[in-house]
Amino acid sequence: MRGFLDVLQLLKRFGIFIYTGNQKTDIEMMMSELKELYENGLIMQEDYLPALLILKSELGKRTD
């Protein structure tokens, strides 16, 4: 997993599309969905941790 678009593709594989119009809220919702996928055993830790770090990094860049 290399970037934000990779995280979007991962969520898309599970039919998860998030758009609220507010980037910060979108990222927070993506983090929540990602956590749910991991806790339910649908994604491995090898996918979860890098994706979470990417989202946290993106959240730090947003000042909405």
PDB file of N, CA and C in Angstrom:
ATOM      1  N   MET A   1       0.851  -1.166   0.000  1.00  0.00           N
ATOM      2  CA  MET A   1       0.000   0.000   0.000  1.00  0.00           C
ATOM      3  C   MET A   1       0.895   1.227   0.000  1.00  0.00           C
ATOM      4  N   ARG A   2       0.684   2.080  -0.987  1.00  0.00           N
ATOM      5  CA  ARG A   2       1.616   3.190  -1.161  1.00  0.00           C
ATOM      6  C   ARG A   2       1.015   4.564  -0.906  1.00  0.00           C
ATOM      7  N   GLY A   3      -0.288   4.705  -1.043  1.00  0.00           N
ATOM      8  CA  GLY A   3      -0.848   6.034  -0.895  1.00  0.00           C
ATOM      9  C   GLY A   3      -2.352   6.032  -0.671  1.00  0.00           C
ATOM     10  N   PHE A   4      -2.890   7.235  -0.599  1.00  0.00           N
ATOM     11  CA  PHE A   4      -4.306   7.434  -0.315  1.00  0.00           C
ATOM     12  C   PHE A   4      -5.202   6.729  -1.331  1.00  0.00           C
ATOM     13  N   LEU A   5      -4.825   6.780  -2.598  1.00  0.00           N
ATOM     14  CA  LEU A   5      -5.642   6.124  -3.627  1.00  0.00           C
ATOM     15  C   LEU A   5      -5.693   4.613  -3.434  1.00  0.00           C
ATOM     16  N   ASP A   6      -4.625   4.043  -2.920  1.00  0.00           N
ATOM     17  CA  ASP A   6      -4.618   2.604  -2.631  1.00  0.00           C
ATOM     18  C   ASP A   6      -5.624   2.267  -1.528  1.00  0.00           C
ATOM     19  N   VAL A   7      -5.733   3.141  -0.546  1.00  0.00           N
ATOM     20  CA  VAL A   7      -6.708   2.934   0.526  1.00  0.00           C
ATOM     21  C   VAL A   7      -8.121   3.021  -0.044  1.00  0.00           C
ATOM     22  N   LEU A   8      -8.351   3.995  -0.921  1.00  0.00           N
ATOM     23  CA  LEU A   8      -9.674   4.114  -1.554  1.00  0.00           C
ATOM     24  C   LEU A   8     -10.013   2.849  -2.337  1.00  0.00           C
ATOM     25  N   GLN A   9      -9.037   2.296  -3.040  1.00  0.00           N
ATOM     26  CA  GLN A   9      -9.254   1.070  -3.814  1.00  0.00           C
ATOM     27  C   GLN A   9      -9.564  -0.112  -2.899  1.00  0.00           C
ATOM     28  N   LEU A  10      -8.879  -0.177  -1.761  1.00  0.00           N
ATOM     29  CA  LEU A  10      -9.128  -1.244  -0.796  1.00  0.00           C
ATOM     30  C   LEU A  10     -10.576  -1.179  -0.300  1.00  0.00           C
ATOM     31  N   LEU A  11     -11.011   0.002   0.082  1.00  0.00           N
ATOM     32  CA  LEU A  11     -12.387   0.157   0.556  1.00  0.00           C
ATOM     33  C   LEU A  11     -13.388  -0.133  -0.562  1.00  0.00           C
ATOM     34  N   LYS A  12     -13.055   0.276  -1.765  1.00  0.00           N
ATOM     35  CA  LYS A  12     -13.928   0.053  -2.921  1.00  0.00           C
ATOM     36  C   LYS A  12     -14.152  -1.441  -3.169  1.00  0.00           C
ATOM     37  N   ARG A  13     -13.137  -2.258  -2.903  1.00  0.00           N
ATOM     38  CA  ARG A  13     -13.269  -3.710  -3.075  1.00  0.00           C
ATOM     39  C   ARG A  13     -14.391  -4.279  -2.215  1.00  0.00           C
ATOM     40  N   PHE A  14     -14.699  -3.599  -1.118  1.00  0.00           N
ATOM     41  CA  PHE A  14     -15.756  -4.040  -0.213  1.00  0.00           C
ATOM     42  C   PHE A  14     -17.038  -3.238  -0.393  1.00  0.00           C
ATOM     43  N   GLY A  15     -17.106  -2.459  -1.462  1.00  0.00           N
ATOM     44  CA  GLY A  15     -18.306  -1.693  -1.754  1.00  0.00           C
ATOM     45  C   GLY A  15     -18.479  -0.476  -0.866  1.00  0.00           C
ATOM     46  N   ILE A  16     -17.370   0.019  -0.328  1.00  0.00           N
ATOM     47  CA  ILE A  16     -17.420   1.173   0.565  1.00  0.00           C
ATOM     48  C   ILE A  16     -16.994   2.411  -0.199  1.00  0.00           C
ATOM     49  N   PHE A  17     -17.930   3.331  -0.359  1.00  0.00           N
ATOM     50  CA  PHE A  17     -17.682   4.607  -1.019  1.00  0.00           C
ATOM     51  C   PHE A  17     -18.097   5.698  -0.045  1.00  0.00           C
ATOM     52  N   ILE A  18     -17.193   6.593   0.279  1.00  0.00           N
ATOM     53  CA  ILE A  18     -17.488   7.638   1.259  1.00  0.00           C
ATOM     54  C   ILE A  18     -17.253   9.005   0.632  1.00  0.00           C
ATOM     55  N   TYR A  19     -18.293   9.819   0.682  1.00  0.00           N
ATOM     56  CA  TYR A  19     -18.151  11.217   0.265  1.00  0.00           C
ATOM     57  C   TYR A  19     -19.186  12.045   1.004  1.00  0.00           C
ATOM     58  N   THR A  20     -18.728  12.903   1.894  1.00  0.00           N
ATOM     59  CA  THR A  20     -19.633  13.764   2.648  1.00  0.00           C
ATOM     60  C   THR A  20     -19.499  15.218   2.213  1.00  0.00           C
ATOM     61  N   GLY A  21     -18.466  15.512   1.445  1.00  0.00           N
ATOM     62  CA  GLY A  21     -18.196  16.889   1.053  1.00  0.00           C
ATOM     63  C   GLY A  21     -17.169  17.550   1.952  1.00  0.00           C
ATOM     64  N   ASN A  22     -16.833  16.893   3.046  1.00  0.00           N
ATOM     65  CA  ASN A  22     -15.841  17.399   3.980  1.00  0.00           C
ATOM     66  C   ASN A  22     -14.709  16.380   4.049  1.00  0.00           C
ATOM     67  N   GLN A  23     -13.528  16.741   3.590  1.00  0.00           N
ATOM     68  CA  GLN A  23     -12.423  15.787   3.487  1.00  0.00           C
ATOM     69  C   GLN A  23     -12.034  15.192   4.841  1.00  0.00           C
ATOM     70  N   LYS A  24     -12.023  16.015   5.865  1.00  0.00           N
ATOM     71  CA  LYS A  24     -11.643  15.519   7.194  1.00  0.00           C
ATOM     72  C   LYS A  24     -12.638  14.459   7.671  1.00  0.00           C
ATOM     73  N   THR A  25     -13.920  14.728   7.501  1.00  0.00           N
ATOM     74  CA  THR A  25     -14.950  13.776   7.893  1.00  0.00           C
ATOM     75  C   THR A  25     -14.855  12.507   7.057  1.00  0.00           C
ATOM     76  N   ASP A  26     -14.588  12.658   5.777  1.00  0.00           N
ATOM     77  CA  ASP A  26     -14.425  11.494   4.898  1.00  0.00           C
ATOM     78  C   ASP A  26     -13.314  10.587   5.417  1.00  0.00           C
ATOM     79  N   ILE A  27     -12.178  11.163   5.757  1.00  0.00           N
ATOM     80  CA  ILE A  27     -11.036  10.379   6.223  1.00  0.00           C
ATOM     81  C   ILE A  27     -11.352   9.702   7.550  1.00  0.00           C
ATOM     82  N   GLU A  28     -12.021  10.411   8.445  1.00  0.00           N
ATOM     83  CA  GLU A  28     -12.399   9.814   9.725  1.00  0.00           C
ATOM     84  C   GLU A  28     -13.347   8.633   9.517  1.00  0.00           C
ATOM     85  N   MET A  29     -14.280   8.770   8.584  1.00  0.00           N
ATOM     86  CA  MET A  29     -15.203   7.669   8.286  1.00  0.00           C
ATOM     87  C   MET A  29     -14.470   6.498   7.645  1.00  0.00           C
ATOM     88  N   MET A  30     -13.494   6.795   6.793  1.00  0.00           N
ATOM     89  CA  MET A  30     -12.694   5.733   6.176  1.00  0.00           C
ATOM     90  C   MET A  30     -11.930   4.961   7.237  1.00  0.00           C
ATOM     91  N   MET A  31     -11.390   5.677   8.227  1.00  0.00           N
ATOM     92  CA  MET A  31     -10.667   5.021   9.315  1.00  0.00           C
ATOM     93  C   MET A  31     -11.603   4.091  10.091  1.00  0.00           C
ATOM     94  N   SER A  32     -12.813   4.549  10.321  1.00  0.00           N
ATOM     95  CA  SER A  32     -13.793   3.735  11.026  1.00  0.00           C
ATOM     96  C   SER A  32     -14.154   2.482  10.232  1.00  0.00           C
ATOM     97  N   GLU A  33     -14.391   2.646   8.944  1.00  0.00           N
ATOM     98  CA  GLU A  33     -14.729   1.506   8.088  1.00  0.00           C
ATOM     99  C   GLU A  33     -13.568   0.513   8.007  1.00  0.00           C
ATOM    100  N   LEU A  34     -12.366   1.043   7.901  1.00  0.00           N
ATOM    101  CA  LEU A  34     -11.176   0.196   7.843  1.00  0.00           C
ATOM    102  C   LEU A  34     -11.055  -0.636   9.116  1.00  0.00           C
ATOM    103  N   LYS A  35     -11.286   0.002  10.259  1.00  0.00           N
ATOM    104  CA  LYS A  35     -11.222  -0.693  11.544  1.00  0.00           C
ATOM    105  C   LYS A  35     -12.265  -1.813  11.602  1.00  0.00           C
ATOM    106  N   GLU A  36     -13.468  -1.533  11.117  1.00  0.00           N
ATOM    107  CA  GLU A  36     -14.528  -2.549  11.101  1.00  0.00           C
ATOM    108  C   GLU A  36     -14.129  -3.743  10.229  1.00  0.00           C
ATOM    109  N   LEU A  37     -13.556  -3.465   9.065  1.00  0.00           N
ATOM    110  CA  LEU A  37     -13.107  -4.548   8.186  1.00  0.00           C
ATOM    111  C   LEU A  37     -12.070  -5.419   8.878  1.00  0.00           C
ATOM    112  N   TYR A  38     -11.140  -4.781   9.570  1.00  0.00           N
ATOM    113  CA  TYR A  38     -10.084  -5.515  10.268  1.00  0.00           C
ATOM    114  C   TYR A  38     -10.647  -6.320  11.435  1.00  0.00           C
ATOM    115  N   GLU A  39     -11.484  -5.691  12.244  1.00  0.00           N
ATOM    116  CA  GLU A  39     -12.044  -6.373  13.418  1.00  0.00           C
ATOM    117  C   GLU A  39     -12.924  -7.552  13.037  1.00  0.00           C
ATOM    118  N   ASN A  40     -13.530  -7.489  11.865  1.00  0.00           N
ATOM    119  CA  ASN A  40     -14.375  -8.582  11.397  1.00  0.00           C
ATOM    120  C   ASN A  40     -13.613  -9.618  10.573  1.00  0.00           C
ATOM    121  N   GLY A  41     -12.294  -9.469  10.496  1.00  0.00           N
ATOM    122  CA  GLY A  41     -11.458 -10.450   9.828  1.00  0.00           C
ATOM    123  C   GLY A  41     -11.516 -10.421   8.317  1.00  0.00           C
ATOM    124  N   LEU A  42     -11.956  -9.315   7.748  1.00  0.00           N
ATOM    125  CA  LEU A  42     -12.059  -9.232   6.298  1.00  0.00           C
ATOM    126  C   LEU A  42     -10.775  -8.761   5.632  1.00  0.00           C
ATOM    127  N   ILE A  43      -9.923  -8.081   6.383  1.00  0.00           N
ATOM    128  CA  ILE A  43      -8.602  -7.702   5.869  1.00  0.00           C
ATOM    129  C   ILE A  43      -7.552  -8.110   6.886  1.00  0.00           C
ATOM    130  N   MET A  44      -6.366  -8.349   6.393  1.00  0.00           N
ATOM    131  CA  MET A  44      -5.253  -8.778   7.241  1.00  0.00           C
ATOM    132  C   MET A  44      -4.561  -7.568   7.865  1.00  0.00           C
ATOM    133  N   GLN A  45      -3.818  -7.834   8.913  1.00  0.00           N
ATOM    134  CA  GLN A  45      -3.064  -6.777   9.585  1.00  0.00           C
ATOM    135  C   GLN A  45      -2.081  -6.114   8.625  1.00  0.00           C
ATOM    136  N   GLU A  46      -1.552  -6.871   7.665  1.00  0.00           N
ATOM    137  CA  GLU A  46      -0.598  -6.348   6.690  1.00  0.00           C
ATOM    138  C   GLU A  46      -1.225  -5.281   5.791  1.00  0.00           C
ATOM    139  N   ASP A  47      -2.527  -5.328   5.631  1.00  0.00           N
ATOM    140  CA  ASP A  47      -3.241  -4.307   4.865  1.00  0.00           C
ATOM    141  C   ASP A  47      -3.756  -3.193   5.773  1.00  0.00           C
ATOM    142  N   TYR A  48      -4.207  -3.585   6.959  1.00  0.00           N
ATOM    143  CA  TYR A  48      -4.821  -2.640   7.881  1.00  0.00           C
ATOM    144  C   TYR A  48      -3.845  -1.572   8.381  1.00  0.00           C
ATOM    145  N   LEU A  49      -2.702  -1.980   8.886  1.00  0.00           N
ATOM    146  CA  LEU A  49      -1.779  -1.020   9.494  1.00  0.00           C
ATOM    147  C   LEU A  49      -1.242   0.022   8.511  1.00  0.00           C
ATOM    148  N   PRO A  50      -0.762  -0.370   7.333  1.00  0.00           N
ATOM    149  CA  PRO A  50      -0.307   0.657   6.386  1.00  0.00           C
ATOM    150  C   PRO A  50      -1.438   1.593   5.955  1.00  0.00           C
ATOM    151  N   ALA A  51      -2.626   1.047   5.750  1.00  0.00           N
ATOM    152  CA  ALA A  51      -3.763   1.876   5.347  1.00  0.00           C
ATOM    153  C   ALA A  51      -4.108   2.874   6.447  1.00  0.00           C
ATOM    154  N   LEU A  52      -4.074   2.424   7.688  1.00  0.00           N
ATOM    155  CA  LEU A  52      -4.370   3.310   8.813  1.00  0.00           C
ATOM    156  C   LEU A  52      -3.343   4.432   8.915  1.00  0.00           C
ATOM    157  N   LEU A  53      -2.083   4.101   8.717  1.00  0.00           N
ATOM    158  CA  LEU A  53      -1.031   5.122   8.759  1.00  0.00           C
ATOM    159  C   LEU A  53      -1.202   6.149   7.642  1.00  0.00           C
ATOM    160  N   ILE A  54      -1.574   5.683   6.472  1.00  0.00           N
ATOM    161  CA  ILE A  54      -1.803   6.593   5.342  1.00  0.00           C
ATOM    162  C   ILE A  54      -2.956   7.542   5.664  1.00  0.00           C
ATOM    163  N   LEU A  55      -4.037   7.000   6.214  1.00  0.00           N
ATOM    164  CA  LEU A  55      -5.187   7.844   6.544  1.00  0.00           C
ATOM    165  C   LEU A  55      -4.854   8.842   7.651  1.00  0.00           C
ATOM    166  N   LYS A  56      -4.091   8.402   8.646  1.00  0.00           N
ATOM    167  CA  LYS A  56      -3.683   9.322   9.714  1.00  0.00           C
ATOM    168  C   LYS A  56      -2.806  10.437   9.162  1.00  0.00           C
ATOM    169  N   SER A  57      -1.937  10.103   8.228  1.00  0.00           N
ATOM    170  CA  SER A  57      -1.090  11.098   7.597  1.00  0.00           C
ATOM    171  C   SER A  57      -1.926  12.105   6.810  1.00  0.00           C
ATOM    172  N   GLU A  58      -2.904  11.607   6.060  1.00  0.00           N
ATOM    173  CA  GLU A  58      -3.791  12.480   5.292  1.00  0.00           C
ATOM    174  C   GLU A  58      -4.618  13.370   6.221  1.00  0.00           C
ATOM    175  N   LEU A  59      -5.054  12.814   7.324  1.00  0.00           N
ATOM    176  CA  LEU A  59      -5.847  13.588   8.285  1.00  0.00           C
ATOM    177  C   LEU A  59      -5.017  14.734   8.862  1.00  0.00           C
ATOM    178  N   GLY A  60      -3.741  14.492   9.074  1.00  0.00           N
ATOM    179  CA  GLY A  60      -2.854  15.527   9.581  1.00  0.00           C
ATOM    180  C   GLY A  60      -2.636  16.661   8.593  1.00  0.00           C
ATOM    181  N   LYS A  61      -2.796  16.365   7.311  1.00  0.00           N
ATOM    182  CA  LYS A  61      -2.618  17.383   6.263  1.00  0.00           C
ATOM    183  C   LYS A  61      -3.837  18.275   6.113  1.00  0.00           C
ATOM    184  N   ARG A  62      -4.986  17.802   6.537  1.00  0.00           N
ATOM    185  CA  ARG A  62      -6.254  18.533   6.361  1.00  0.00           C
ATOM    186  C   ARG A  62      -6.467  19.524   7.497  1.00  0.00           C
ATOM    187  N   THR A  63      -6.949  20.683   7.147  1.00  0.00           N
ATOM    188  CA  THR A  63      -7.216  21.712   8.152  1.00  0.00           C
ATOM    189  C   THR A  63      -8.646  22.216   8.053  1.00  0.00           C
ATOM    190  N   ASP A  64      -9.548  21.377   7.536  1.00  0.00           N
ATOM    191  CA  ASP A  64     -10.954  21.785   7.330  1.00  0.00           C
ATOM    192  C   ASP A  64     -11.572  22.293   8.607  1.00  0.00           C
TER     193      ASP A  64
END
